[in-house]
Amino acid sequence: MHNGFILYLIIIGNQSSKCPKCKANYFSITKTKEDYLGNDFANPKKHIFRNYYRCRKCNHEWAKDIYRSKNNQHQF
């Protein structure tokens, strides 16, 4: 049971770190910028950042919002 769940998390994490256009892997993606958007209204202990990425394979650019707790842990 636990091994299946861990495998599921790895697959989901790997898919979310691919280029949405050409599906290039994590190593083809460059983080170009990060903007601080403020605190989450529902949970003020979490900060919201917008990260901008570019694919080196197809030059597609996109943004993704990231939630972090005050101790800097990523929360999606």
PDB file of N, CA and C in Angstrom:
ATOM      1  N   MET A   1       0.823  -1.200   0.000  1.00  0.00           N
ATOM      2  CA  MET A   1       0.000   0.000   0.000  1.00  0.00           C
ATOM      3  C   MET A   1       0.862   1.256   0.000  1.00  0.00           C
ATOM      4  N   HIS A   2       1.826   1.315   0.904  1.00  0.00           N
ATOM      5  CA  HIS A   2       2.663   2.512   1.000  1.00  0.00           C
ATOM      6  C   HIS A   2       3.553   2.677  -0.225  1.00  0.00           C
ATOM      7  N   ASN A   3       4.060   1.577  -0.758  1.00  0.00           N
ATOM      8  CA  ASN A   3       4.905   1.652  -1.949  1.00  0.00           C
ATOM      9  C   ASN A   3       4.136   2.189  -3.140  1.00  0.00           C
ATOM     10  N   GLY A   4       2.863   1.798  -3.271  1.00  0.00           N
ATOM     11  CA  GLY A   4       2.026   2.307  -4.353  1.00  0.00           C
ATOM     12  C   GLY A   4       1.778   3.797  -4.230  1.00  0.00           C
ATOM     13  N   PHE A   5       1.593   4.263  -3.008  1.00  0.00           N
ATOM     14  CA  PHE A   5       1.356   5.683  -2.774  1.00  0.00           C
ATOM     15  C   PHE A   5       2.603   6.497  -3.094  1.00  0.00           C
ATOM     16  N   ILE A   6       3.759   5.992  -2.692  1.00  0.00           N
ATOM     17  CA  ILE A   6       5.021   6.688  -2.983  1.00  0.00           C
ATOM     18  C   ILE A   6       5.248   6.750  -4.489  1.00  0.00           C
ATOM     19  N   LEU A   7       4.988   5.667  -5.182  1.00  0.00           N
ATOM     20  CA  LEU A   7       5.119   5.647  -6.637  1.00  0.00           C
ATOM     21  C   LEU A   7       4.161   6.653  -7.277  1.00  0.00           C
ATOM     22  N   TYR A   8       2.942   6.739  -6.769  1.00  0.00           N
ATOM     23  CA  TYR A   8       1.960   7.708  -7.268  1.00  0.00           C
ATOM     24  C   TYR A   8       2.481   9.138  -7.100  1.00  0.00           C
ATOM     25  N   LEU A   9       3.046   9.452  -5.943  1.00  0.00           N
ATOM     26  CA  LEU A   9       3.582  10.800  -5.702  1.00  0.00           C
ATOM     27  C   LEU A   9       4.745  11.121  -6.638  1.00  0.00           C
ATOM     28  N   ILE A  10       5.585  10.140  -6.904  1.00  0.00           N
ATOM     29  CA  ILE A  10       6.714  10.349  -7.818  1.00  0.00           C
ATOM     30  C   ILE A  10       6.205  10.621  -9.229  1.00  0.00           C
ATOM     31  N   ILE A  11       5.221   9.865  -9.665  1.00  0.00           N
ATOM     32  CA  ILE A  11       4.669  10.052 -11.011  1.00  0.00           C
ATOM     33  C   ILE A  11       4.010  11.410 -11.135  1.00  0.00           C
ATOM     34  N   ILE A  12       3.189  11.800 -10.154  1.00  0.00           N
ATOM     35  CA  ILE A  12       2.508  13.097 -10.194  1.00  0.00           C
ATOM     36  C   ILE A  12       3.533  14.227 -10.142  1.00  0.00           C
ATOM     37  N   GLY A  13       4.528  14.118  -9.274  1.00  0.00           N
ATOM     38  CA  GLY A  13       5.564  15.148  -9.189  1.00  0.00           C
ATOM     39  C   GLY A  13       6.349  15.276 -10.470  1.00  0.00           C
ATOM     40  N   ASN A  14       6.644  14.171 -11.122  1.00  0.00           N
ATOM     41  CA  ASN A  14       7.382  14.187 -12.377  1.00  0.00           C
ATOM     42  C   ASN A  14       6.546  14.805 -13.493  1.00  0.00           C
ATOM     43  N   GLN A  15       5.253  14.517 -13.522  1.00  0.00           N
ATOM     44  CA  GLN A  15       4.391  15.093 -14.552  1.00  0.00           C
ATOM     45  C   GLN A  15       4.222  16.594 -14.357  1.00  0.00           C
ATOM     46  N   SER A  16       4.175  17.059 -13.115  1.00  0.00           N
ATOM     47  CA  SER A  16       3.978  18.480 -12.873  1.00  0.00           C
ATOM     48  C   SER A  16       5.241  19.285 -13.140  1.00  0.00           C
ATOM     49  N   SER A  17       6.389  18.626 -13.285  1.00  0.00           N
ATOM     50  CA  SER A  17       7.634  19.340 -13.559  1.00  0.00           C
ATOM     51  C   SER A  17       8.073  19.179 -15.012  1.00  0.00           C
ATOM     52  N   LYS A  18       7.134  18.862 -15.889  1.00  0.00           N
ATOM     53  CA  LYS A  18       7.415  18.764 -17.317  1.00  0.00           C
ATOM     54  C   LYS A  18       6.867  19.983 -18.041  1.00  0.00           C
ATOM     55  N   CYS A  19       7.412  20.241 -19.211  1.00  0.00           N
ATOM     56  CA  CYS A  19       6.901  21.323 -20.045  1.00  0.00           C
ATOM     57  C   CYS A  19       5.463  20.991 -20.463  1.00  0.00           C
ATOM     58  N   PRO A  20       4.514  21.910 -20.273  1.00  0.00           N
ATOM     59  CA  PRO A  20       3.133  21.615 -20.651  1.00  0.00           C
ATOM     60  C   PRO A  20       2.917  21.526 -22.163  1.00  0.00           C
ATOM     61  N   LYS A  21       3.841  22.074 -22.946  1.00  0.00           N
ATOM     62  CA  LYS A  21       3.678  22.052 -24.398  1.00  0.00           C
ATOM     63  C   LYS A  21       4.304  20.811 -25.033  1.00  0.00           C
ATOM     64  N   CYS A  22       5.590  20.578 -24.768  1.00  0.00           N
ATOM     65  CA  CYS A  22       6.289  19.471 -25.444  1.00  0.00           C
ATOM     66  C   CYS A  22       6.581  18.297 -24.519  1.00  0.00           C
ATOM     67  N   LYS A  23       6.245  18.417 -23.243  1.00  0.00           N
ATOM     68  CA  LYS A  23       6.447  17.356 -22.240  1.00  0.00           C
ATOM     69  C   LYS A  23       7.919  17.021 -21.998  1.00  0.00           C
ATOM     70  N   ALA A  24       8.793  17.994 -22.248  1.00  0.00           N
ATOM     71  CA  ALA A  24      10.218  17.792 -21.956  1.00  0.00           C
ATOM     72  C   ALA A  24      10.391  17.583 -20.459  1.00  0.00           C
ATOM     73  N   ASN A  25      11.427  16.850 -20.081  1.00  0.00           N
ATOM     74  CA  ASN A  25      11.608  16.506 -18.681  1.00  0.00           C
ATOM     75  C   ASN A  25      12.152  17.672 -17.855  1.00  0.00           C
ATOM     76  N   TYR A  26      12.288  17.425 -16.571  1.00  0.00           N
ATOM     77  CA  TYR A  26      12.700  18.425 -15.591  1.00  0.00           C
ATOM     78  C   TYR A  26      14.023  19.097 -15.962  1.00  0.00           C
ATOM     79  N   PHE A  27      14.930  18.358 -16.559  1.00  0.00           N
ATOM     80  CA  PHE A  27      16.256  18.894 -16.856  1.00  0.00           C
ATOM     81  C   PHE A  27      16.256  19.878 -18.018  1.00  0.00           C
ATOM     82  N   SER A  28      15.158  19.974 -18.748  1.00  0.00           N
ATOM     83  CA  SER A  28      15.049  20.932 -19.850  1.00  0.00           C
ATOM     84  C   SER A  28      14.339  22.210 -19.437  1.00  0.00           C
ATOM     85  N   ILE A  29      13.973  22.322 -18.164  1.00  0.00           N
ATOM     86  CA  ILE A  29      13.203  23.474 -17.684  1.00  0.00           C
ATOM     87  C   ILE A  29      14.101  24.405 -16.879  1.00  0.00           C
ATOM     88  N   THR A  30      13.976  25.703 -17.148  1.00  0.00           N
ATOM     89  CA  THR A  30      14.717  26.715 -16.422  1.00  0.00           C
ATOM     90  C   THR A  30      13.736  27.649 -15.723  1.00  0.00           C
ATOM     91  N   LYS A  31      13.963  27.871 -14.429  1.00  0.00           N
ATOM     92  CA  LYS A  31      13.166  28.855 -13.692  1.00  0.00           C
ATOM     93  C   LYS A  31      13.755  30.224 -13.999  1.00  0.00           C
ATOM     94  N   THR A  32      12.938  31.115 -14.565  1.00  0.00           N
ATOM     95  CA  THR A  32      13.449  32.405 -15.008  1.00  0.00           C
ATOM     96  C   THR A  32      13.190  33.541 -14.024  1.00  0.00           C
ATOM     97  N   LYS A  33      12.149  33.388 -13.192  1.00  0.00           N
ATOM     98  CA  LYS A  33      11.779  34.501 -12.313  1.00  0.00           C
ATOM     99  C   LYS A  33      10.869  33.988 -11.215  1.00  0.00           C
ATOM    100  N   GLU A  34      10.838  34.702 -10.079  1.00  0.00           N
ATOM    101  CA  GLU A  34       9.906  34.382  -8.993  1.00  0.00           C
ATOM    102  C   GLU A  34       9.365  35.687  -8.426  1.00  0.00           C
ATOM    103  N   ASP A  35       8.050  35.802  -8.336  1.00  0.00           N
ATOM    104  CA  ASP A  35       7.399  36.979  -7.757  1.00  0.00           C
ATOM    105  C   ASP A  35       6.687  36.591  -6.472  1.00  0.00           C
ATOM    106  N   TYR A  36       6.806  37.446  -5.460  1.00  0.00           N
ATOM    107  CA  TYR A  36       6.065  37.248  -4.214  1.00  0.00           C
ATOM    108  C   TYR A  36       4.705  37.897  -4.380  1.00  0.00           C
ATOM    109  N   LEU A  37       3.633  37.121  -4.182  1.00  0.00           N
ATOM    110  CA  LEU A  37       2.281  37.635  -4.375  1.00  0.00           C
ATOM    111  C   LEU A  37       1.601  38.033  -3.071  1.00  0.00           C
ATOM    112  N   GLY A  38       2.090  37.566  -1.933  1.00  0.00           N
ATOM    113  CA  GLY A  38       1.493  37.912  -0.643  1.00  0.00           C
ATOM    114  C   GLY A  38       1.151  36.678   0.156  1.00  0.00           C
ATOM    115  N   ASN A  39       0.317  36.888   1.179  1.00  0.00           N
ATOM    116  CA  ASN A  39      -0.116  35.786   2.039  1.00  0.00           C
ATOM    117  C   ASN A  39      -1.421  35.211   1.530  1.00  0.00           C
ATOM    118  N   ASP A  40      -1.626  33.952   1.803  1.00  0.00           N
ATOM    119  CA  ASP A  40      -2.876  33.282   1.482  1.00  0.00           C
ATOM    120  C   ASP A  40      -3.947  33.799   2.444  1.00  0.00           C
ATOM    121  N   PHE A  41      -5.093  34.256   1.927  1.00  0.00           N
ATOM    122  CA  PHE A  41      -6.144  34.792   2.778  1.00  0.00           C
ATOM    123  C   PHE A  41      -6.735  33.714   3.688  1.00  0.00           C
ATOM    124  N   ALA A  42      -6.846  32.504   3.197  1.00  0.00           N
ATOM    125  CA  ALA A  42      -7.421  31.411   3.982  1.00  0.00           C
ATOM    126  C   ALA A  42      -6.463  30.932   5.071  1.00  0.00           C
ATOM    127  N   ASN A  43      -5.167  31.055   4.823  1.00  0.00           N
ATOM    128  CA  ASN A  43      -4.165  30.614   5.790  1.00  0.00           C
ATOM    129  C   ASN A  43      -3.010  31.614   5.762  1.00  0.00           C
ATOM    130  N   PRO A  44      -3.045  32.644   6.610  1.00  0.00           N
ATOM    131  CA  PRO A  44      -2.025  33.699   6.579  1.00  0.00           C
ATOM    132  C   PRO A  44      -0.603  33.220   6.874  1.00  0.00           C
ATOM    133  N   LYS A  45      -0.449  31.998   7.362  1.00  0.00           N
ATOM    134  CA  LYS A  45       0.895  31.472   7.628  1.00  0.00           C
ATOM    135  C   LYS A  45       1.581  30.997   6.354  1.00  0.00           C
ATOM    136  N   LYS A  46       0.865  30.989   5.241  1.00  0.00           N
ATOM    137  CA  LYS A  46       1.438  30.549   3.966  1.00  0.00           C
ATOM    138  C   LYS A  46       1.635  31.741   3.035  1.00  0.00           C
ATOM    139  N   HIS A  47       2.763  31.745   2.366  1.00  0.00           N
ATOM    140  CA  HIS A  47       3.087  32.779   1.384  1.00  0.00           C
ATOM    141  C   HIS A  47       2.824  32.224  -0.015  1.00  0.00           C
ATOM    142  N   ILE A  48       2.433  33.111  -0.923  1.00  0.00           N
ATOM    143  CA  ILE A  48       2.168  32.704  -2.302  1.00  0.00           C
ATOM    144  C   ILE A  48       3.228  33.328  -3.205  1.00  0.00           C
ATOM    145  N   PHE A  49       3.847  32.510  -4.023  1.00  0.00           N
ATOM    146  CA  PHE A  49       4.835  32.953  -4.992  1.00  0.00           C
ATOM    147  C   PHE A  49       4.386  32.511  -6.377  1.00  0.00           C
ATOM    148  N   ARG A  50       4.726  33.279  -7.385  1.00  0.00           N
ATOM    149  CA  ARG A  50       4.496  32.874  -8.767  1.00  0.00           C
ATOM    150  C   ARG A  50       5.857  32.658  -9.405  1.00  0.00           C
ATOM    151  N   ASN A  51       6.094  31.433  -9.833  1.00  0.00           N
ATOM    152  CA  ASN A  51       7.351  31.075 -10.493  1.00  0.00           C
ATOM    153  C   ASN A  51       7.134  31.041 -11.999  1.00  0.00           C
ATOM    154  N   TYR A  52       8.095  31.559 -12.731  1.00  0.00           N
ATOM    155  CA  TYR A  52       8.048  31.578 -14.195  1.00  0.00           C
ATOM    156  C   TYR A  52       9.113  30.626 -14.725  1.00  0.00           C
ATOM    157  N   TYR A  53       8.729  29.848 -15.716  1.00  0.00           N
ATOM    158  CA  TYR A  53       9.610  28.825 -16.270  1.00  0.00           C
ATOM    159  C   TYR A  53       9.696  28.956 -17.786  1.00  0.00           C
ATOM    160  N   ARG A  54      10.792  28.418 -18.341  1.00  0.00           N
ATOM    161  CA  ARG A  54      10.960  28.352 -19.793  1.00  0.00           C
ATOM    162  C   ARG A  54      11.572  27.004 -20.148  1.00  0.00           C
ATOM    163  N   CYS A  55      11.049  26.409 -21.193  1.00  0.00           N
ATOM    164  CA  CYS A  55      11.563  25.134 -21.687  1.00  0.00           C
ATOM    165  C   CYS A  55      12.702  25.419 -22.666  1.00  0.00           C
ATOM    166  N   ARG A  56      13.844  24.808 -22.427  1.00  0.00           N
ATOM    167  CA  ARG A  56      14.985  25.002 -23.326  1.00  0.00           C
ATOM    168  C   ARG A  56      14.808  24.234 -24.631  1.00  0.00           C
ATOM    169  N   LYS A  57      13.907  23.258 -24.640  1.00  0.00           N
ATOM    170  CA  LYS A  57      13.700  22.449 -25.837  1.00  0.00           C
ATOM    171  C   LYS A  57      12.804  23.166 -26.851  1.00  0.00           C
ATOM    172  N   CYS A  58      11.666  23.738 -26.395  1.00  0.00           N
ATOM    173  CA  CYS A  58      10.718  24.356 -27.336  1.00  0.00           C
ATOM    174  C   CYS A  58      10.502  25.858 -27.076  1.00  0.00           C
ATOM    175  N   ASN A  59      11.173  26.428 -26.064  1.00  0.00           N
ATOM    176  CA  ASN A  59      11.080  27.842 -25.694  1.00  0.00           C
ATOM    177  C   ASN A  59       9.703  28.271 -25.184  1.00  0.00           C
ATOM    178  N   HIS A  60       8.874  27.321 -24.811  1.00  0.00           N
ATOM    179  CA  HIS A  60       7.571  27.649 -24.222  1.00  0.00           C
ATOM    180  C   HIS A  60       7.787  28.251 -22.835  1.00  0.00           C
ATOM    181  N   GLU A  61       6.990  29.271 -22.482  1.00  0.00           N
ATOM    182  CA  GLU A  61       7.077  29.918 -21.172  1.00  0.00           C
ATOM    183  C   GLU A  61       5.743  29.788 -20.464  1.00  0.00           C
ATOM    184  N   TRP A  62       5.779  29.579 -19.140  1.00  0.00           N
ATOM    185  CA  TRP A  62       4.555  29.461 -18.354  1.00  0.00           C
ATOM    186  C   TRP A  62       4.841  29.867 -16.918  1.00  0.00           C
ATOM    187  N   ALA A  63       3.763  30.043 -16.148  1.00  0.00           N
ATOM    188  CA  ALA A  63       3.868  30.420 -14.741  1.00  0.00           C
ATOM    189  C   ALA A  63       3.124  29.400 -13.891  1.00  0.00           C
ATOM    190  N   LYS A  64       3.587  29.259 -12.658  1.00  0.00           N
ATOM    191  CA  LYS A  64       2.966  28.328 -11.726  1.00  0.00           C
ATOM    192  C   LYS A  64       2.994  28.956 -10.337  1.00  0.00           C
ATOM    193  N   ASP A  65       1.847  28.958  -9.647  1.00  0.00           N
ATOM    194  CA  ASP A  65       1.780  29.495  -8.294  1.00  0.00           C
ATOM    195  C   ASP A  65       2.208  28.435  -7.296  1.00  0.00           C
ATOM    196  N   ILE A  66       3.048  28.841  -6.343  1.00  0.00           N
ATOM    197  CA  ILE A  66       3.596  27.952  -5.330  1.00  0.00           C
ATOM    198  C   ILE A  66       3.235  28.511  -3.963  1.00  0.00           C
ATOM    199  N   TYR A  67       2.790  27.646  -3.084  1.00  0.00           N
ATOM    200  CA  TYR A  67       2.485  28.041  -1.710  1.00  0.00           C
ATOM    201  C   TYR A  67       3.591  27.526  -0.800  1.00  0.00           C
ATOM    202  N   ARG A  68       4.083  28.410   0.084  1.00  0.00           N
ATOM    203  CA  ARG A  68       5.134  28.020   1.027  1.00  0.00           C
ATOM    204  C   ARG A  68       4.711  28.438   2.420  1.00  0.00           C
ATOM    205  N   SER A  69       5.008  27.571   3.375  1.00  0.00           N
ATOM    206  CA  SER A  69       4.790  27.939   4.768  1.00  0.00           C
ATOM    207  C   SER A  69       5.943  28.857   5.198  1.00  0.00           C
ATOM    208  N   LYS A  70       5.843  29.413   6.372  1.00  0.00           N
ATOM    209  CA  LYS A  70       6.875  30.351   6.814  1.00  0.00           C
ATOM    210  C   LYS A  70       8.244  29.711   6.934  1.00  0.00           C
ATOM    211  N   ASN A  71       8.317  28.392   7.078  1.00  0.00           N
ATOM    212  CA  ASN A  71       9.627  27.738   7.166  1.00  0.00           C
ATOM    213  C   ASN A  71      10.125  27.345   5.785  1.00  0.00           C
ATOM    214  N   ASN A  72       9.523  27.895   4.712  1.00  0.00           N
ATOM    215  CA  ASN A  72       9.981  27.765   3.325  1.00  0.00           C
ATOM    216  C   ASN A  72       9.738  26.404   2.696  1.00  0.00           C
ATOM    217  N   GLN A  73       8.842  25.603   3.249  1.00  0.00           N
ATOM    218  CA  GLN A  73       8.532  24.319   2.625  1.00  0.00           C
ATOM    219  C   GLN A  73       7.493  24.541   1.547  1.00  0.00           C
ATOM    220  N   HIS A  74       7.669  23.848   0.409  1.00  0.00           N
ATOM    221  CA  HIS A  74       6.725  23.970  -0.719  1.00  0.00           C
ATOM    222  C   HIS A  74       5.430  23.262  -0.391  1.00  0.00           C
ATOM    223  N   GLN A  75       4.333  23.894  -0.746  1.00  0.00           N
ATOM    224  CA  GLN A  75       3.006  23.314  -0.574  1.00  0.00           C
ATOM    225  C   GLN A  75       2.250  23.578  -1.871  1.00  0.00           C
ATOM    226  N   PHE A  76       1.832  22.545  -2.572  1.00  0.00           N
ATOM    227  CA  PHE A  76       1.150  22.720  -3.850  1.00  0.00           C
ATOM    228  C   PHE A  76      -0.334  22.616  -3.681  1.00  0.00           C
TER     229      PHE A  76
END
